[in-house]
N, C-alpha and C. Protein backbone atom coordinates (compact mmCIF):
# COMPACT_ATOMS: atom_id res chain seq x y z
N MET A 1 110.46 142.75 120.79
CA MET A 1 110.25 142.51 119.37
C MET A 1 108.80 142.07 119.16
N SER A 2 108.12 142.64 118.16
CA SER A 2 106.72 142.29 117.91
C SER A 2 106.61 140.86 117.41
N SER A 3 105.40 140.27 117.57
CA SER A 3 105.22 138.89 117.09
C SER A 3 105.35 138.83 115.58
N GLU A 4 104.98 139.91 114.87
CA GLU A 4 105.13 139.94 113.42
C GLU A 4 106.61 139.90 113.03
N ALA A 5 107.43 140.69 113.72
CA ALA A 5 108.86 140.69 113.45
C ALA A 5 109.47 139.35 113.83
N LEU A 6 109.01 138.78 114.95
CA LEU A 6 109.50 137.49 115.39
C LEU A 6 109.16 136.43 114.35
N ASP A 7 107.95 136.46 113.80
CA ASP A 7 107.57 135.51 112.76
C ASP A 7 108.50 135.63 111.57
N GLY A 8 108.86 136.85 111.20
CA GLY A 8 109.77 137.06 110.08
C GLY A 8 111.14 136.48 110.35
N VAL A 9 111.62 136.66 111.57
CA VAL A 9 112.91 136.10 111.96
C VAL A 9 112.84 134.58 111.95
N GLN A 10 111.75 134.02 112.51
CA GLN A 10 111.59 132.57 112.54
C GLN A 10 111.50 132.00 111.13
N LEU A 11 110.75 132.66 110.27
CA LEU A 11 110.60 132.19 108.91
C LEU A 11 111.93 132.24 108.17
N ASP A 12 112.67 133.32 108.37
CA ASP A 12 113.98 133.45 107.74
C ASP A 12 114.90 132.31 108.19
N ALA A 13 114.94 132.05 109.48
CA ALA A 13 115.79 130.99 110.01
C ALA A 13 115.33 129.62 109.49
N LEU A 14 114.03 129.41 109.47
CA LEU A 14 113.48 128.15 108.96
C LEU A 14 113.86 127.96 107.50
N TYR A 15 113.75 129.02 106.72
CA TYR A 15 114.09 128.96 105.29
C TYR A 15 115.58 128.63 105.12
N ARG A 16 116.43 129.37 105.80
CA ARG A 16 117.88 129.16 105.66
C ARG A 16 118.30 127.76 106.11
N ASN A 17 117.68 127.26 107.19
CA ASN A 17 118.07 125.97 107.75
C ASN A 17 117.48 124.76 107.04
N HIS A 18 116.34 124.94 106.36
CA HIS A 18 115.63 123.76 105.86
C HIS A 18 115.25 123.80 104.38
N HIS A 19 115.44 124.92 103.70
CA HIS A 19 115.01 125.00 102.31
C HIS A 19 115.72 123.96 101.44
N GLY A 20 117.02 123.86 101.56
CA GLY A 20 117.78 122.89 100.77
C GLY A 20 117.35 121.47 101.04
N TRP A 21 117.15 121.16 102.33
CA TRP A 21 116.69 119.82 102.69
C TRP A 21 115.31 119.54 102.09
N LEU A 22 114.39 120.52 102.22
CA LEU A 22 113.03 120.33 101.71
C LEU A 22 113.03 120.12 100.20
N GLN A 23 113.82 120.90 99.51
CA GLN A 23 113.87 120.78 98.05
C GLN A 23 114.40 119.39 97.66
N GLY A 24 115.43 118.91 98.35
CA GLY A 24 115.95 117.56 98.08
C GLY A 24 114.93 116.49 98.41
N TRP A 25 114.23 116.66 99.53
CA TRP A 25 113.19 115.72 99.94
C TRP A 25 112.10 115.64 98.88
N LEU A 26 111.68 116.79 98.38
CA LEU A 26 110.65 116.84 97.34
C LEU A 26 111.17 116.26 96.02
N ARG A 27 112.42 116.54 95.67
CA ARG A 27 113.00 116.03 94.43
C ARG A 27 113.00 114.50 94.43
N LYS A 28 113.32 113.89 95.58
CA LYS A 28 113.31 112.41 95.68
C LYS A 28 111.90 111.86 95.47
N ARG A 29 110.92 112.55 96.00
CA ARG A 29 109.55 112.06 95.90
C ARG A 29 108.90 112.32 94.54
N LEU A 30 109.27 113.45 93.95
CA LEU A 30 108.63 113.85 92.69
C LEU A 30 109.43 113.46 91.46
N GLY A 31 110.74 113.32 91.62
CA GLY A 31 111.59 113.00 90.48
C GLY A 31 111.70 114.14 89.48
N ASP A 32 111.43 115.35 89.93
CA ASP A 32 111.44 116.51 89.03
C ASP A 32 112.01 117.70 89.79
N ARG A 33 113.18 118.15 89.38
CA ARG A 33 113.88 119.24 90.07
C ARG A 33 113.07 120.53 90.08
N GLU A 34 112.47 120.89 88.94
CA GLU A 34 111.73 122.15 88.87
C GLU A 34 110.46 122.13 89.71
N ARG A 35 109.73 121.03 89.65
CA ARG A 35 108.51 120.93 90.49
C ARG A 35 108.89 120.95 91.96
N ALA A 36 110.00 120.29 92.30
CA ALA A 36 110.46 120.28 93.69
C ALA A 36 110.79 121.70 94.14
N ALA A 37 111.47 122.46 93.29
CA ALA A 37 111.82 123.84 93.64
C ALA A 37 110.55 124.68 93.81
N ASP A 38 109.60 124.51 92.89
CA ASP A 38 108.34 125.26 92.98
C ASP A 38 107.58 124.91 94.27
N LEU A 39 107.48 123.62 94.57
CA LEU A 39 106.74 123.21 95.76
C LEU A 39 107.45 123.62 97.05
N ALA A 40 108.77 123.64 97.04
CA ALA A 40 109.50 124.12 98.21
C ALA A 40 109.15 125.59 98.46
N GLN A 41 109.15 126.38 97.39
CA GLN A 41 108.79 127.79 97.52
C GLN A 41 107.34 127.94 97.98
N ASP A 42 106.45 127.14 97.41
CA ASP A 42 105.04 127.19 97.80
C ASP A 42 104.85 126.82 99.27
N THR A 43 105.68 125.91 99.76
CA THR A 43 105.60 125.51 101.17
C THR A 43 105.91 126.70 102.07
N PHE A 44 106.98 127.41 101.74
CA PHE A 44 107.33 128.58 102.57
C PHE A 44 106.33 129.72 102.37
N LEU A 45 105.78 129.82 101.19
CA LEU A 45 104.74 130.82 100.95
C LEU A 45 103.52 130.51 101.82
N ARG A 46 103.17 129.25 101.92
CA ARG A 46 102.04 128.84 102.76
C ARG A 46 102.30 129.24 104.22
N LEU A 47 103.53 129.02 104.67
CA LEU A 47 103.89 129.44 106.03
C LEU A 47 103.73 130.95 106.20
N LEU A 48 104.17 131.69 105.21
CA LEU A 48 104.10 133.14 105.26
C LEU A 48 102.65 133.61 105.33
N VAL A 49 101.80 132.97 104.55
CA VAL A 49 100.39 133.36 104.49
C VAL A 49 99.65 132.95 105.77
N THR A 50 99.88 131.73 106.23
CA THR A 50 99.14 131.26 107.41
C THR A 50 99.71 131.80 108.71
N ARG A 51 100.97 132.22 108.68
CA ARG A 51 101.66 132.76 109.85
C ARG A 51 101.68 131.77 111.01
N ARG A 52 101.71 130.49 110.69
CA ARG A 52 101.81 129.44 111.71
C ARG A 52 103.21 128.85 111.64
N MET A 53 103.96 129.05 112.68
CA MET A 53 105.33 128.55 112.73
C MET A 53 105.35 127.24 113.50
N PRO A 54 106.26 126.34 113.13
CA PRO A 54 106.37 125.07 113.84
C PRO A 54 106.96 125.26 115.22
N GLU A 55 106.71 124.28 116.08
CA GLU A 55 107.32 124.27 117.40
C GLU A 55 108.83 124.08 117.22
N LEU A 56 109.58 124.47 118.21
CA LEU A 56 111.02 124.32 118.18
C LEU A 56 111.39 122.85 117.97
N GLY A 57 112.25 122.59 117.01
CA GLY A 57 112.67 121.23 116.71
C GLY A 57 111.74 120.45 115.81
N GLU A 58 110.64 121.05 115.40
CA GLU A 58 109.65 120.38 114.55
C GLU A 58 109.67 120.90 113.12
N GLY A 59 110.66 121.71 112.77
CA GLY A 59 110.69 122.38 111.47
C GLY A 59 110.57 121.46 110.27
N ARG A 60 111.41 120.44 110.22
CA ARG A 60 111.38 119.55 109.05
C ARG A 60 110.07 118.78 108.95
N ARG A 61 109.61 118.27 110.06
CA ARG A 61 108.36 117.50 110.02
C ARG A 61 107.20 118.40 109.60
N TYR A 62 107.17 119.61 110.11
CA TYR A 62 106.11 120.57 109.79
C TYR A 62 106.16 120.94 108.30
N LEU A 63 107.36 121.23 107.81
CA LEU A 63 107.53 121.58 106.40
C LEU A 63 107.15 120.41 105.49
N ALA A 64 107.54 119.20 105.88
CA ALA A 64 107.21 118.01 105.08
C ALA A 64 105.70 117.81 105.02
N GLN A 65 105.00 118.06 106.13
CA GLN A 65 103.54 117.90 106.12
C GLN A 65 102.88 118.93 105.21
N ILE A 66 103.33 120.15 105.28
CA ILE A 66 102.79 121.19 104.38
C ILE A 66 103.05 120.80 102.93
N ALA A 67 104.27 120.35 102.64
CA ALA A 67 104.62 119.96 101.27
C ALA A 67 103.77 118.78 100.81
N ARG A 68 103.56 117.78 101.69
CA ARG A 68 102.70 116.64 101.32
C ARG A 68 101.30 117.12 100.97
N ASN A 69 100.76 118.02 101.78
CA ASN A 69 99.42 118.55 101.51
C ASN A 69 99.38 119.29 100.18
N LEU A 70 100.43 120.03 99.86
CA LEU A 70 100.49 120.74 98.58
C LEU A 70 100.56 119.75 97.42
N ILE A 71 101.30 118.67 97.59
CA ILE A 71 101.38 117.64 96.54
C ILE A 71 100.00 117.02 96.32
N ILE A 72 99.32 116.70 97.41
CA ILE A 72 97.98 116.12 97.31
C ILE A 72 97.04 117.09 96.60
N ASP A 73 97.09 118.37 96.99
CA ASP A 73 96.26 119.39 96.33
C ASP A 73 96.56 119.45 94.84
N GLN A 74 97.85 119.39 94.50
CA GLN A 74 98.26 119.46 93.10
C GLN A 74 97.76 118.24 92.32
N TRP A 75 97.91 117.04 92.89
CA TRP A 75 97.43 115.83 92.23
C TRP A 75 95.91 115.87 92.05
N ARG A 76 95.23 116.32 93.09
CA ARG A 76 93.77 116.41 93.02
C ARG A 76 93.36 117.37 91.90
N ARG A 77 94.02 118.52 91.85
CA ARG A 77 93.71 119.50 90.81
C ARG A 77 93.98 118.92 89.43
N GLN A 78 95.11 118.25 89.25
CA GLN A 78 95.45 117.65 87.96
C GLN A 78 94.42 116.59 87.56
N ARG A 79 93.99 115.77 88.53
CA ARG A 79 93.00 114.73 88.24
C ARG A 79 91.68 115.35 87.79
N ILE A 80 91.25 116.41 88.47
CA ILE A 80 90.00 117.07 88.12
C ILE A 80 90.12 117.74 86.76
N GLU A 81 91.22 118.45 86.54
CA GLU A 81 91.42 119.11 85.24
C GLU A 81 91.46 118.10 84.11
N GLN A 82 92.15 116.97 84.32
CA GLN A 82 92.24 115.96 83.26
C GLN A 82 90.88 115.36 82.96
N ALA A 83 90.09 115.08 83.99
CA ALA A 83 88.74 114.54 83.77
C ALA A 83 87.90 115.53 82.98
N TYR A 84 88.02 116.81 83.30
CA TYR A 84 87.28 117.83 82.58
C TYR A 84 87.75 117.94 81.14
N LEU A 85 89.06 117.93 80.94
CA LEU A 85 89.60 118.01 79.57
C LEU A 85 89.22 116.79 78.74
N ASP A 86 89.18 115.62 79.37
CA ASP A 86 88.73 114.41 78.66
C ASP A 86 87.28 114.55 78.23
N THR A 87 86.47 115.14 79.10
CA THR A 87 85.06 115.36 78.77
C THR A 87 84.94 116.35 77.63
N LEU A 88 85.74 117.41 77.66
CA LEU A 88 85.73 118.41 76.59
C LEU A 88 86.14 117.79 75.25
N ALA A 89 87.12 116.91 75.30
CA ALA A 89 87.62 116.29 74.07
C ALA A 89 86.53 115.48 73.38
N ALA A 90 85.58 114.99 74.15
CA ALA A 90 84.50 114.20 73.58
C ALA A 90 83.40 115.06 72.96
N LEU A 91 83.42 116.38 73.22
CA LEU A 91 82.40 117.27 72.68
C LEU A 91 82.70 117.65 71.23
N PRO A 92 81.66 117.88 70.44
CA PRO A 92 81.90 118.41 69.09
C PRO A 92 82.52 119.81 69.18
N GLU A 93 83.30 120.20 68.23
CA GLU A 93 84.05 121.47 68.25
C GLU A 93 83.21 122.69 68.60
N PRO A 94 82.02 122.92 67.98
CA PRO A 94 81.27 124.14 68.28
C PRO A 94 80.82 124.23 69.75
N GLU A 95 80.76 123.09 70.47
CA GLU A 95 80.30 123.11 71.85
C GLU A 95 81.43 123.33 72.85
N THR A 96 82.66 123.39 72.39
CA THR A 96 83.80 123.56 73.28
C THR A 96 83.79 124.97 73.88
N PRO A 97 83.82 125.08 75.21
CA PRO A 97 83.78 126.41 75.85
C PRO A 97 85.10 127.17 75.69
N SER A 98 85.03 128.48 75.89
CA SER A 98 86.21 129.33 75.80
C SER A 98 87.19 129.00 76.92
N LEU A 99 88.42 129.48 76.80
CA LEU A 99 89.42 129.25 77.83
C LEU A 99 88.99 129.85 79.17
N GLU A 100 88.38 131.02 79.13
CA GLU A 100 87.91 131.66 80.36
C GLU A 100 86.82 130.82 81.02
N THR A 101 85.89 130.32 80.23
CA THR A 101 84.83 129.48 80.77
C THR A 101 85.41 128.20 81.33
N ARG A 102 86.39 127.62 80.63
CA ARG A 102 87.05 126.40 81.13
C ARG A 102 87.67 126.66 82.49
N ALA A 103 88.38 127.77 82.64
CA ALA A 103 89.04 128.10 83.91
C ALA A 103 88.00 128.24 85.02
N MET A 104 86.88 128.88 84.73
CA MET A 104 85.83 129.05 85.74
C MET A 104 85.23 127.69 86.11
N ILE A 105 85.03 126.83 85.13
CA ILE A 105 84.46 125.51 85.40
C ILE A 105 85.42 124.68 86.24
N ILE A 106 86.70 124.70 85.91
CA ILE A 106 87.69 123.94 86.68
C ILE A 106 87.74 124.45 88.12
N GLU A 107 87.70 125.77 88.30
CA GLU A 107 87.71 126.33 89.66
C GLU A 107 86.47 125.88 90.43
N THR A 108 85.32 125.86 89.78
CA THR A 108 84.09 125.40 90.42
C THR A 108 84.20 123.92 90.79
N LEU A 109 84.73 123.12 89.87
CA LEU A 109 84.91 121.69 90.16
C LEU A 109 85.84 121.48 91.35
N LEU A 110 86.88 122.28 91.45
CA LEU A 110 87.80 122.18 92.59
C LEU A 110 87.10 122.56 93.89
N GLN A 111 86.25 123.57 93.84
CA GLN A 111 85.49 123.96 95.04
C GLN A 111 84.54 122.85 95.46
N ILE A 112 83.89 122.23 94.48
CA ILE A 112 82.97 121.13 94.78
C ILE A 112 83.74 119.96 95.38
N ASP A 113 84.89 119.64 94.79
CA ASP A 113 85.72 118.56 95.30
C ASP A 113 86.14 118.83 96.75
N ALA A 114 86.55 120.05 97.03
CA ALA A 114 86.95 120.41 98.40
C ALA A 114 85.76 120.32 99.35
N MET A 115 84.59 120.75 98.88
CA MET A 115 83.38 120.68 99.69
C MET A 115 83.05 119.22 100.02
N LEU A 116 83.11 118.36 99.01
CA LEU A 116 82.80 116.94 99.24
C LEU A 116 83.83 116.32 100.18
N ASP A 117 85.08 116.67 100.00
CA ASP A 117 86.15 116.13 100.83
C ASP A 117 85.99 116.55 102.29
N ALA A 118 85.44 117.73 102.52
CA ALA A 118 85.26 118.24 103.88
C ALA A 118 84.04 117.64 104.59
N MET A 119 83.14 117.03 103.83
CA MET A 119 81.93 116.46 104.43
C MET A 119 82.26 115.18 105.21
N PRO A 120 81.55 114.95 106.30
CA PRO A 120 81.68 113.64 106.96
C PRO A 120 81.26 112.54 105.98
N SER A 121 81.81 111.36 106.17
CA SER A 121 81.63 110.26 105.23
C SER A 121 80.16 109.96 104.91
N LYS A 122 79.33 109.82 105.93
CA LYS A 122 77.92 109.48 105.69
C LYS A 122 77.18 110.59 104.95
N VAL A 123 77.50 111.83 105.26
CA VAL A 123 76.87 112.97 104.57
C VAL A 123 77.25 112.93 103.09
N ARG A 124 78.54 112.73 102.82
CA ARG A 124 79.03 112.66 101.43
C ARG A 124 78.38 111.48 100.69
N GLN A 125 78.33 110.32 101.34
CA GLN A 125 77.74 109.14 100.70
C GLN A 125 76.27 109.37 100.37
N ALA A 126 75.52 109.92 101.32
CA ALA A 126 74.10 110.18 101.09
C ALA A 126 73.92 111.15 99.93
N PHE A 127 74.69 112.21 99.92
CA PHE A 127 74.61 113.21 98.86
C PHE A 127 74.93 112.60 97.50
N MET A 128 76.00 111.81 97.44
CA MET A 128 76.40 111.19 96.17
C MET A 128 75.34 110.19 95.68
N LEU A 129 74.80 109.42 96.60
CA LEU A 129 73.78 108.45 96.21
C LEU A 129 72.53 109.15 95.67
N ALA A 130 72.18 110.27 96.28
CA ALA A 130 71.01 111.02 95.82
C ALA A 130 71.29 111.68 94.48
N GLN A 131 72.44 112.31 94.35
CA GLN A 131 72.73 113.10 93.15
C GLN A 131 73.14 112.27 91.95
N PHE A 132 73.94 111.24 92.17
CA PHE A 132 74.51 110.51 91.04
C PHE A 132 73.83 109.19 90.74
N GLU A 133 73.18 108.62 91.75
CA GLU A 133 72.45 107.38 91.50
C GLU A 133 70.94 107.58 91.53
N GLY A 134 70.52 108.78 91.90
CA GLY A 134 69.10 109.11 91.90
C GLY A 134 68.28 108.37 92.94
N LEU A 135 68.92 107.93 94.01
CA LEU A 135 68.20 107.18 95.04
C LEU A 135 67.37 108.11 95.92
N GLY A 136 66.24 107.60 96.39
CA GLY A 136 65.42 108.33 97.34
C GLY A 136 65.94 108.12 98.75
N TYR A 137 65.38 108.87 99.68
CA TYR A 137 65.86 108.81 101.06
C TYR A 137 65.74 107.41 101.66
N ALA A 138 64.64 106.72 101.38
CA ALA A 138 64.45 105.37 101.94
C ALA A 138 65.52 104.41 101.40
N GLU A 139 65.81 104.53 100.10
CA GLU A 139 66.84 103.66 99.52
C GLU A 139 68.23 103.99 100.07
N ILE A 140 68.48 105.27 100.26
CA ILE A 140 69.78 105.69 100.83
C ILE A 140 69.89 105.18 102.26
N ALA A 141 68.82 105.30 103.03
CA ALA A 141 68.82 104.83 104.42
C ALA A 141 69.13 103.33 104.47
N GLU A 142 68.51 102.60 103.57
CA GLU A 142 68.75 101.15 103.52
C GLU A 142 70.21 100.86 103.13
N ARG A 143 70.70 101.56 102.14
CA ARG A 143 72.07 101.34 101.67
C ARG A 143 73.10 101.69 102.74
N LEU A 144 72.86 102.79 103.48
CA LEU A 144 73.80 103.24 104.51
C LEU A 144 73.51 102.62 105.88
N GLN A 145 72.41 101.88 105.96
CA GLN A 145 71.98 101.24 107.21
C GLN A 145 71.79 102.27 108.33
N VAL A 146 71.03 103.32 107.98
CA VAL A 146 70.68 104.37 108.94
C VAL A 146 69.18 104.65 108.79
N SER A 147 68.66 105.49 109.66
CA SER A 147 67.24 105.85 109.58
C SER A 147 67.02 106.89 108.48
N ILE A 148 65.78 106.99 108.05
CA ILE A 148 65.42 108.00 107.05
C ILE A 148 65.65 109.40 107.62
N SER A 149 65.38 109.59 108.91
CA SER A 149 65.61 110.92 109.50
C SER A 149 67.10 111.26 109.48
N SER A 150 67.96 110.26 109.62
CA SER A 150 69.41 110.52 109.51
C SER A 150 69.75 110.96 108.10
N VAL A 151 69.17 110.31 107.11
CA VAL A 151 69.42 110.69 105.72
C VAL A 151 68.95 112.13 105.50
N GLN A 152 67.80 112.49 106.05
CA GLN A 152 67.31 113.86 105.92
C GLN A 152 68.31 114.85 106.52
N LYS A 153 68.85 114.52 107.68
CA LYS A 153 69.86 115.39 108.30
C LYS A 153 71.12 115.46 107.45
N TYR A 154 71.55 114.33 106.91
CA TYR A 154 72.74 114.31 106.06
C TYR A 154 72.54 115.20 104.83
N MET A 155 71.38 115.07 104.22
CA MET A 155 71.10 115.85 103.01
C MET A 155 71.00 117.34 103.32
N THR A 156 70.44 117.68 104.48
CA THR A 156 70.38 119.09 104.88
C THR A 156 71.79 119.66 105.01
N ARG A 157 72.68 118.90 105.65
CA ARG A 157 74.07 119.35 105.79
C ARG A 157 74.75 119.48 104.43
N ALA A 158 74.51 118.51 103.55
CA ALA A 158 75.14 118.54 102.23
C ALA A 158 74.65 119.72 101.41
N ILE A 159 73.36 119.96 101.44
CA ILE A 159 72.79 121.08 100.68
C ILE A 159 73.28 122.41 101.25
N ALA A 160 73.40 122.50 102.57
CA ALA A 160 73.95 123.72 103.18
C ALA A 160 75.39 123.95 102.71
N ALA A 161 76.16 122.88 102.61
CA ALA A 161 77.55 123.00 102.11
C ALA A 161 77.56 123.48 100.66
N CYS A 162 76.62 122.99 99.86
CA CYS A 162 76.52 123.42 98.47
C CYS A 162 76.21 124.92 98.39
N TYR A 163 75.30 125.38 99.22
CA TYR A 163 74.97 126.81 99.23
C TYR A 163 76.16 127.65 99.66
N GLN A 164 76.94 127.14 100.60
CA GLN A 164 78.12 127.88 101.02
C GLN A 164 79.10 128.05 99.85
N VAL A 165 79.27 127.01 99.05
CA VAL A 165 80.15 127.10 97.88
C VAL A 165 79.55 128.07 96.87
N LEU A 166 78.26 127.94 96.66
CA LEU A 166 77.58 128.76 95.66
C LEU A 166 77.60 130.24 96.01
N TYR A 167 77.39 130.57 97.27
CA TYR A 167 77.27 131.95 97.67
C TYR A 167 78.46 132.46 98.50
N ALA A 168 79.59 131.79 98.41
CA ALA A 168 80.78 132.18 99.18
C ALA A 168 81.33 133.53 98.72
N GLU A 169 81.12 133.87 97.52
CA GLU A 169 81.67 135.12 97.01
C GLU A 169 80.61 136.15 97.01
C-alpha cells in the first residue's frame, strides 16, 4: 500500500476514533457548539494538508495540540481585526477604505504579526524599539543591555524578515 493511501487510511481511522471526542473537548473550552464543530473540522483539514500523522497512541494529544494552535491563531486574528476595525471607526467617513482594501490590510497585518512572532525575542525587541519608539541603535543597545553591533545584527535580521513578507508573493 502506498504511503499516500496509508495516510488516507490513518486519517480515516483517526477521524472515526477521535472526531467526537475532539469536538466535545473543543466545546468545553470554547462554550460554543458551532465553533467547536468548525475547529474540529479545521483540525482534520490541517492534518490532511500537512500530511503529518501522529505516532501510534498519540492521536488525541496530537489533535488537541493542533486544535489549540488553531484557537490561538483564531484569537490572534480576531484581536488584530478588532484593533484595525477600532482604528477605522475613529476615521471620518470619507477616509474609510473599501471592504477589499480592508481585507488586504488585515491580511498584511496578520503576516506582520506572524513575522514578529517568529523573530527571536531580542530581534523583535530591537525592531519594535526602533520602529515604534524611534530609538537609535545606541539607545536600543543600552535598553537591551547588548552591544551596538548586536543591535545592528538584530536589525539586519528584522529587516530581512520584513522583505520576506513584502516579497513573498
